[in-house]
């Protein structure tokens, strides 16, 4: 049995034997010391088979594989136990969920939210009182899809034995069937201005306000622009003031505020769709406005801009300059 002194002397000799001459770091084995020395020599013998990146020691290679290729999530939130791949992601999670940073504060009531979309939902449901989700059975409106679903499960989950003779749809209660028939098939509320029919009286009133009276009572607090419907005001706030771009192009990752803009982007950029044809010259354009501009400048407007070189006429100076640059200046070179 070795004494404590003998062990201490042995450990001191052991440590001295595996000490790095460059930085003084001590290792428990010669193998580990040699791996460490490679850091100073910048020798990288450990190569990742997936991406061919090289490392000075196996430990760094293993760490690279775990964090980059195997996506090991070892950064845990102490508040809720959620795991994250990178420390930066964990910090962002803590700031937005648990600390609730001031930047997502509601201007109306001062309430703070962890995420921007939670703030937007709060504004929609509490201050704008938007109810975009309507129950098809009883016509009751809800601000969230989840609330509508809960309503359907709690109220309309019973046996549906009341069948609509027009479309075959089933309802749990007779009064729900009658509401459906009135609003969908009968449409008994007629607009006296244009003769259009509506299923609900409130739909008729909204129609009269927007179309015939041109009422715009929903005012934007940021720029004072007015809108006829709350939904239009919400979309304006989201896309113009909050710069909310939630529609992402899967091809290039670009974000758009409106779905229609995303569709136009995909058609023009990725699908290269040009469905607007000029009847005069059979040239195609991706957007109707481009076709109209083409017709105005090329076929309708007088061509007052004349080329002095070849006497060819153009509808505007830009086209004339482009012609000179591409045709005549190119020839002179």
Protein backbone atom coordinates (compact mmCIF):
# COMPACT_ATOMS: atom_id res chain seq x y z
CA UNK A 1 0.00 0.00 0.00
CA UNK A 2 1.44 3.37 -1.12
CA UNK A 3 1.56 6.26 1.31
CA UNK A 4 -0.05 9.63 0.51
CA UNK A 5 3.38 11.16 0.12
CA UNK A 6 4.44 8.46 -2.38
CA UNK A 7 1.24 9.02 -4.40
CA UNK A 8 1.77 12.79 -4.35
CA UNK A 9 5.38 12.42 -5.59
CA UNK A 10 4.22 9.96 -8.27
CA UNK A 11 1.48 12.38 -9.41
CA UNK A 12 3.94 15.27 -9.57
CA UNK A 13 6.32 13.21 -11.74
CA UNK A 14 3.36 12.08 -13.88
CA UNK A 15 2.19 15.62 -14.43
CA UNK A 16 5.64 16.86 -15.33
CA UNK A 17 5.98 14.01 -17.82
CA UNK A 18 2.77 15.14 -19.69
CA UNK A 19 3.15 18.92 -19.59
CA UNK A 20 2.93 21.04 -22.77
CA UNK A 21 6.15 23.03 -23.27
CA UNK A 22 4.27 25.76 -25.21
CA UNK A 23 1.48 26.68 -22.80
CA UNK A 24 2.23 24.64 -19.65
CA UNK A 25 -1.05 22.72 -19.79
CA UNK A 26 -0.93 19.28 -18.08
CA UNK A 27 -2.51 16.08 -19.42
CA UNK A 28 -3.09 12.68 -17.81
CA UNK A 29 -1.61 10.75 -20.75
CA UNK A 30 1.00 11.16 -23.47
CA UNK A 31 -1.67 10.56 -26.13
CA UNK A 32 -3.75 13.52 -24.94
CA UNK A 33 -0.67 15.72 -24.73
CA UNK A 34 0.23 14.82 -28.33
CA UNK A 35 -3.28 15.66 -29.49
CA UNK A 36 -3.00 19.01 -27.71
CA UNK A 37 0.41 19.80 -29.28
CA UNK A 38 -1.26 19.53 -32.70
CA UNK A 39 -3.21 22.67 -31.80
CA UNK A 40 0.04 24.63 -31.61
CA UNK A 41 1.42 22.98 -34.73
CA UNK A 42 -1.93 23.53 -36.47
CA UNK A 43 -2.05 19.89 -37.55
CA UNK A 44 -5.58 18.80 -38.41
CA UNK A 45 -5.66 15.03 -38.84
CA UNK A 46 -9.31 14.53 -37.87
CA UNK A 47 -11.57 15.10 -40.88
CA UNK A 48 -15.36 15.08 -40.88
CA UNK A 49 -16.63 12.49 -43.37
CA UNK A 50 -19.80 14.48 -43.99
CA UNK A 51 -18.42 17.91 -44.92
CA UNK A 52 -14.62 17.19 -45.03
CA UNK A 53 -13.83 19.90 -42.47
CA UNK A 54 -10.64 19.14 -40.50
CA UNK A 55 -9.91 19.43 -36.77
CA UNK A 56 -6.82 19.25 -34.58
CA UNK A 57 -8.25 16.71 -32.15
CA UNK A 58 -10.98 14.07 -32.04
CA UNK A 59 -12.87 15.91 -29.31
CA UNK A 60 -13.40 18.93 -31.56
CA UNK A 61 -14.44 16.66 -34.44
CA UNK A 62 -16.98 14.89 -32.21
CA UNK A 63 -18.32 18.25 -31.02
CA UNK A 64 -18.64 19.42 -34.63
CA UNK A 65 -20.55 16.27 -35.67
CA UNK A 66 -22.84 16.50 -32.65
CA UNK A 67 -23.75 20.17 -33.10
CA UNK A 68 -23.74 20.45 -36.91
CA UNK A 69 -24.69 17.07 -38.35
CA UNK A 70 -26.44 15.19 -35.55
CA UNK A 71 -28.13 18.33 -34.18
CA UNK A 72 -27.76 17.36 -30.51
CA UNK A 73 -29.73 19.80 -28.36
CA UNK A 74 -27.78 20.14 -25.12
CA UNK A 75 -28.71 23.71 -24.12
CA UNK A 76 -31.63 23.38 -21.72
CA UNK A 77 -33.88 26.16 -20.43
CA UNK A 78 -33.98 26.04 -16.62
CA UNK A 79 -37.44 27.62 -16.59
CA UNK A 80 -39.38 25.16 -18.77
CA UNK A 81 -36.87 22.40 -19.62
CA UNK A 82 -36.97 23.01 -23.39
CA UNK A 83 -33.81 21.96 -25.26
CA UNK A 84 -31.99 24.01 -27.89
CA UNK A 85 -29.20 23.29 -30.35
CA UNK A 86 -27.31 26.56 -29.85
CA UNK A 87 -26.84 28.82 -26.84
CA UNK A 88 -28.01 31.80 -28.94
CA UNK A 89 -31.35 30.07 -29.54
CA UNK A 90 -31.71 29.37 -25.81
CA UNK A 91 -31.01 33.02 -24.95
CA UNK A 92 -33.58 34.22 -27.50
CA UNK A 93 -36.13 31.80 -26.03
CA UNK A 94 -35.52 33.09 -22.48
CA UNK A 95 -35.79 36.74 -23.59
CA UNK A 96 -39.03 36.30 -25.56
CA UNK A 97 -40.86 33.74 -23.41
CA UNK A 98 -39.68 34.20 -19.82
CA UNK A 99 -38.30 37.75 -19.62
CA UNK A 100 -40.87 39.31 -21.99
CA UNK A 101 -38.75 42.05 -23.54
CA UNK A 102 -40.27 45.55 -23.74
CA UNK A 103 -40.25 45.72 -27.56
CA UNK A 104 -43.50 43.72 -27.79
CA UNK A 105 -45.60 46.14 -25.75
CA UNK A 106 -49.21 46.91 -26.70
CA UNK A 107 -49.61 50.66 -27.29
CA UNK A 108 -53.26 50.50 -26.31
CA UNK A 109 -53.06 48.95 -22.84
CA UNK A 110 -49.31 48.64 -22.11
CA UNK A 111 -49.38 44.85 -21.81
CA UNK A 112 -46.07 43.14 -22.71
CA UNK A 113 -45.81 39.96 -24.78
CA UNK A 114 -42.95 37.57 -25.44
CA UNK A 115 -43.52 37.33 -29.18
CA UNK A 116 -44.68 39.70 -31.90
CA UNK A 117 -47.39 37.33 -33.20
CA UNK A 118 -48.81 37.00 -29.66
CA UNK A 119 -49.00 40.80 -29.49
CA UNK A 120 -50.74 40.90 -32.88
CA UNK A 121 -53.26 38.29 -31.76
CA UNK A 122 -53.93 40.37 -28.61
CA UNK A 123 -54.51 43.53 -30.70
CA UNK A 124 -56.84 41.67 -33.08
CA UNK A 125 -58.98 40.03 -30.42
CA UNK A 126 -58.99 42.64 -27.62
CA UNK A 127 -58.70 46.06 -29.26
CA UNK A 128 -59.85 45.53 -32.86
CA UNK A 129 -62.28 42.81 -31.73
CA UNK A 130 -61.76 40.92 -34.99
CA UNK A 131 -63.78 37.75 -35.33
CA UNK A 132 -62.71 36.07 -38.56
CA UNK A 133 -63.81 32.52 -37.71
CA UNK A 134 -67.56 31.94 -38.17
CA UNK A 135 -69.45 28.82 -37.13
CA UNK A 136 -71.24 27.39 -40.17
CA UNK A 137 -73.91 25.86 -37.94
CA UNK A 138 -75.13 28.82 -35.87
CA UNK A 139 -73.29 31.76 -37.57
CA UNK A 140 -71.57 32.76 -34.29
CA UNK A 141 -68.19 34.44 -34.87
CA UNK A 142 -64.93 33.87 -32.98
CA UNK A 143 -61.57 35.62 -32.94
CA UNK A 144 -59.46 32.44 -32.91
CA UNK A 145 -59.68 29.16 -34.79
CA UNK A 146 -59.06 27.21 -31.58
CA UNK A 147 -62.04 28.93 -29.90
CA UNK A 148 -64.25 28.04 -32.85
CA UNK A 149 -63.10 24.42 -32.64
CA UNK A 150 -63.86 24.34 -28.89
CA UNK A 151 -67.29 25.78 -29.61
CA UNK A 152 -67.98 23.13 -32.27
CA UNK A 153 -66.96 20.31 -29.91
CA UNK A 154 -68.98 21.64 -26.97
CA UNK A 155 -72.14 22.86 -28.71
CA UNK A 156 -72.52 21.05 -32.02
CA UNK A 157 -71.01 17.65 -31.26
CA UNK A 158 -74.40 15.96 -30.70
CA UNK A 159 -76.03 13.56 -33.19
CA UNK A 160 -76.72 15.38 -36.44
CA UNK A 161 -80.09 14.15 -37.70
CA UNK A 162 -81.46 17.39 -39.19
CA UNK A 163 -80.60 17.28 -42.88
CA UNK A 164 -80.67 20.20 -45.31
CA UNK A 165 -82.71 19.23 -48.39
CA UNK A 166 -80.74 21.63 -50.58
CA UNK A 167 -77.14 20.53 -49.95
CA UNK A 168 -77.44 17.47 -47.68
CA UNK A 169 -75.54 19.04 -44.78
CA UNK A 170 -76.39 17.63 -41.32
CA UNK A 171 -77.11 19.61 -38.15
CA UNK A 172 -77.53 18.66 -34.50
CA UNK A 173 -80.43 21.03 -33.82
CA UNK A 174 -83.40 22.09 -35.95
CA UNK A 175 -82.87 25.81 -35.32
CA UNK A 176 -79.29 25.44 -36.61
CA UNK A 177 -80.66 23.86 -39.79
CA UNK A 178 -83.13 26.76 -40.19
CA UNK A 179 -80.33 29.32 -39.68
CA UNK A 180 -78.26 27.52 -42.32
CA UNK A 181 -81.18 27.49 -44.82
CA UNK A 182 -81.91 31.19 -44.22
CA UNK A 183 -78.33 32.37 -44.58
CA UNK A 184 -77.03 30.04 -47.30
CA UNK A 185 -79.96 29.08 -49.52
CA UNK A 186 -82.73 31.66 -49.02
CA UNK A 187 -80.71 34.87 -48.71
CA UNK A 188 -83.81 36.91 -47.90
CA UNK A 189 -82.09 40.24 -47.11
CA UNK A 190 -82.10 42.28 -50.34
CA UNK A 191 -80.19 45.48 -50.99
CA UNK A 192 -82.65 48.07 -52.36
CA UNK A 193 -79.82 49.91 -54.12
CA UNK A 194 -78.48 47.12 -56.33
CA UNK A 195 -80.84 44.17 -55.76
CA UNK A 196 -78.15 41.88 -54.31
CA UNK A 197 -79.30 39.31 -51.70
CA UNK A 198 -77.60 38.40 -48.41
CA UNK A 199 -78.12 35.58 -45.93
CA UNK A 200 -77.59 37.70 -42.83
CA UNK A 201 -78.93 41.17 -42.08
CA UNK A 202 -75.53 42.28 -40.78
CA UNK A 203 -73.96 41.23 -44.10
CA UNK A 204 -76.48 43.45 -45.92
CA UNK A 205 -75.70 46.39 -43.60
CA UNK A 206 -71.93 45.92 -44.13
CA UNK A 207 -72.52 45.81 -47.90
CA UNK A 208 -74.55 49.07 -47.85
CA UNK A 209 -71.95 50.82 -45.66
CA UNK A 210 -69.00 49.83 -47.83
CA UNK A 211 -70.43 49.83 -51.36
CA UNK A 212 -73.19 52.45 -51.39
CA UNK A 213 -72.38 54.78 -48.49
CA UNK A 214 -68.61 54.29 -48.83
CA UNK A 215 -68.23 54.43 -45.03
CA UNK A 216 -64.68 54.04 -43.74
CA UNK A 217 -64.92 54.17 -39.96
CA UNK A 218 -61.88 52.05 -39.09
CA UNK A 219 -59.03 54.53 -38.77
CA UNK A 220 -55.33 53.68 -38.50
CA UNK A 221 -53.79 55.42 -35.46
CA UNK A 222 -50.35 55.45 -37.09
CA UNK A 223 -51.10 57.23 -40.39
CA UNK A 224 -54.81 58.18 -40.06
CA UNK A 225 -55.76 56.21 -43.18
CA UNK A 226 -59.36 54.93 -43.00
CA UNK A 227 -60.79 51.55 -43.97
CA UNK A 228 -64.27 50.14 -44.45
CA UNK A 229 -63.62 46.89 -42.60
CA UNK A 230 -61.59 45.92 -39.52
CA UNK A 231 -59.96 43.10 -41.47
CA UNK A 232 -58.61 45.60 -44.01
CA UNK A 233 -57.30 47.83 -41.21
CA UNK A 234 -55.58 44.83 -39.60
CA UNK A 235 -53.93 43.84 -42.87
CA UNK A 236 -52.77 47.44 -43.35
CA UNK A 237 -51.22 47.57 -39.84
CA UNK A 238 -49.54 44.18 -40.28
CA UNK A 239 -47.99 44.88 -43.68
CA UNK A 240 -47.27 48.64 -43.50
CA UNK A 241 -46.52 49.54 -39.85
CA UNK A 242 -45.50 46.27 -38.21
CA UNK A 243 -43.80 45.09 -41.40
CA UNK A 244 -45.17 41.62 -40.73
CA UNK A 245 -44.13 39.35 -43.56
CA UNK A 246 -45.47 35.90 -42.80
CA UNK A 247 -45.77 34.50 -46.32
CA UNK A 248 -42.44 32.85 -47.22
CA UNK A 249 -41.39 31.67 -50.67
CA UNK A 250 -40.18 28.07 -50.33
CA UNK A 251 -37.97 28.47 -53.41
CA UNK A 252 -35.77 31.38 -52.29
CA UNK A 253 -36.82 32.09 -48.67
CA UNK A 254 -38.05 35.62 -49.40
CA UNK A 255 -40.91 36.89 -47.20
CA UNK A 256 -44.01 38.82 -48.29
CA UNK A 257 -46.66 40.71 -46.33
CA UNK A 258 -49.55 39.55 -48.51
CA UNK A 259 -50.23 36.10 -49.95
CA UNK A 260 -51.16 37.69 -53.29
CA UNK A 261 -47.68 39.27 -53.49
CA UNK A 262 -46.10 35.86 -52.78
CA UNK A 263 -48.14 34.24 -55.57
CA UNK A 264 -47.18 37.03 -58.00
CA UNK A 265 -43.51 36.59 -57.00
CA UNK A 266 -43.63 32.80 -57.61
CA UNK A 267 -45.39 33.26 -60.97
CA UNK A 268 -42.95 35.87 -62.27
CA UNK A 269 -39.63 34.81 -60.72
CA UNK A 270 -39.74 31.03 -60.32
CA UNK A 271 -42.40 29.85 -62.79
CA UNK A 272 -41.63 32.65 -65.25
CA UNK A 273 -45.35 32.88 -66.10
CA UNK A 274 -46.20 35.54 -68.67
CA UNK A 275 -49.91 35.22 -69.35
CA UNK A 276 -50.72 38.79 -70.46
CA UNK A 277 -50.37 38.87 -74.24
CA UNK A 278 -50.19 41.96 -76.43
CA UNK A 279 -52.60 41.54 -79.37
CA UNK A 280 -50.56 43.93 -81.52
CA UNK A 281 -47.14 42.27 -81.42
CA UNK A 282 -47.84 39.01 -79.47
CA UNK A 283 -45.32 39.93 -76.78
CA UNK A 284 -46.03 38.43 -73.32
CA UNK A 285 -45.88 40.11 -69.91
CA UNK A 286 -45.99 38.79 -66.35
CA UNK A 287 -48.29 41.52 -65.04
CA UNK A 288 -51.27 43.29 -66.58
CA UNK A 289 -49.86 46.71 -65.63
CA UNK A 290 -46.70 45.95 -67.62
CA UNK A 291 -48.82 45.02 -70.65
CA UNK A 292 -50.83 48.26 -70.38
CA UNK A 293 -47.63 50.32 -70.11
CA UNK A 294 -46.25 48.48 -73.14
CA UNK A 295 -49.40 49.20 -75.21
CA UNK A 296 -49.43 52.87 -74.14
CA UNK A 297 -45.78 53.51 -74.97
CA UNK A 298 -45.34 51.20 -77.99
CA UNK A 299 -48.66 50.98 -79.81
CA UNK A 300 -50.90 53.88 -78.71
CA UNK A 301 -48.78 56.89 -77.82
CA UNK A 302 -47.25 58.94 -80.65
CA UNK A 303 -43.60 58.11 -81.15
CA UNK A 304 -42.05 61.56 -80.83
CA UNK A 305 -38.57 60.39 -79.85
CA UNK A 306 -36.72 59.86 -83.12
CA UNK A 307 -33.27 58.33 -83.56
CA UNK A 308 -30.97 60.63 -85.60
CA UNK A 309 -28.90 57.67 -86.74
CA UNK A 310 -31.60 55.51 -88.36
CA UNK A 311 -34.76 57.68 -87.98
CA UNK A 312 -36.53 54.95 -85.98
CA UNK A 313 -39.17 56.41 -83.60
CA UNK A 314 -39.87 55.53 -79.96
CA UNK A 315 -42.65 56.29 -77.46
CA UNK A 316 -40.31 57.62 -74.76
CA UNK A 317 -36.74 58.85 -74.28
CA UNK A 318 -35.71 55.82 -72.21
CA UNK A 319 -36.45 53.46 -75.09
CA UNK A 320 -34.63 55.78 -77.50
CA UNK A 321 -31.53 55.92 -75.27
CA UNK A 322 -31.62 52.13 -74.83
CA UNK A 323 -31.85 51.73 -78.62
CA UNK A 324 -28.88 54.05 -79.24
CA UNK A 325 -26.77 52.31 -76.56
CA UNK A 326 -27.47 48.77 -77.75
CA UNK A 327 -27.60 49.32 -81.53
CA UNK A 328 -25.52 52.31 -82.63
CA UNK A 329 -22.92 52.72 -79.87
CA UNK A 330 -22.26 48.96 -80.01
CA UNK A 331 -21.62 49.20 -83.77
CA UNK A 332 -19.22 52.13 -83.31
CA UNK A 333 -17.16 50.11 -80.82
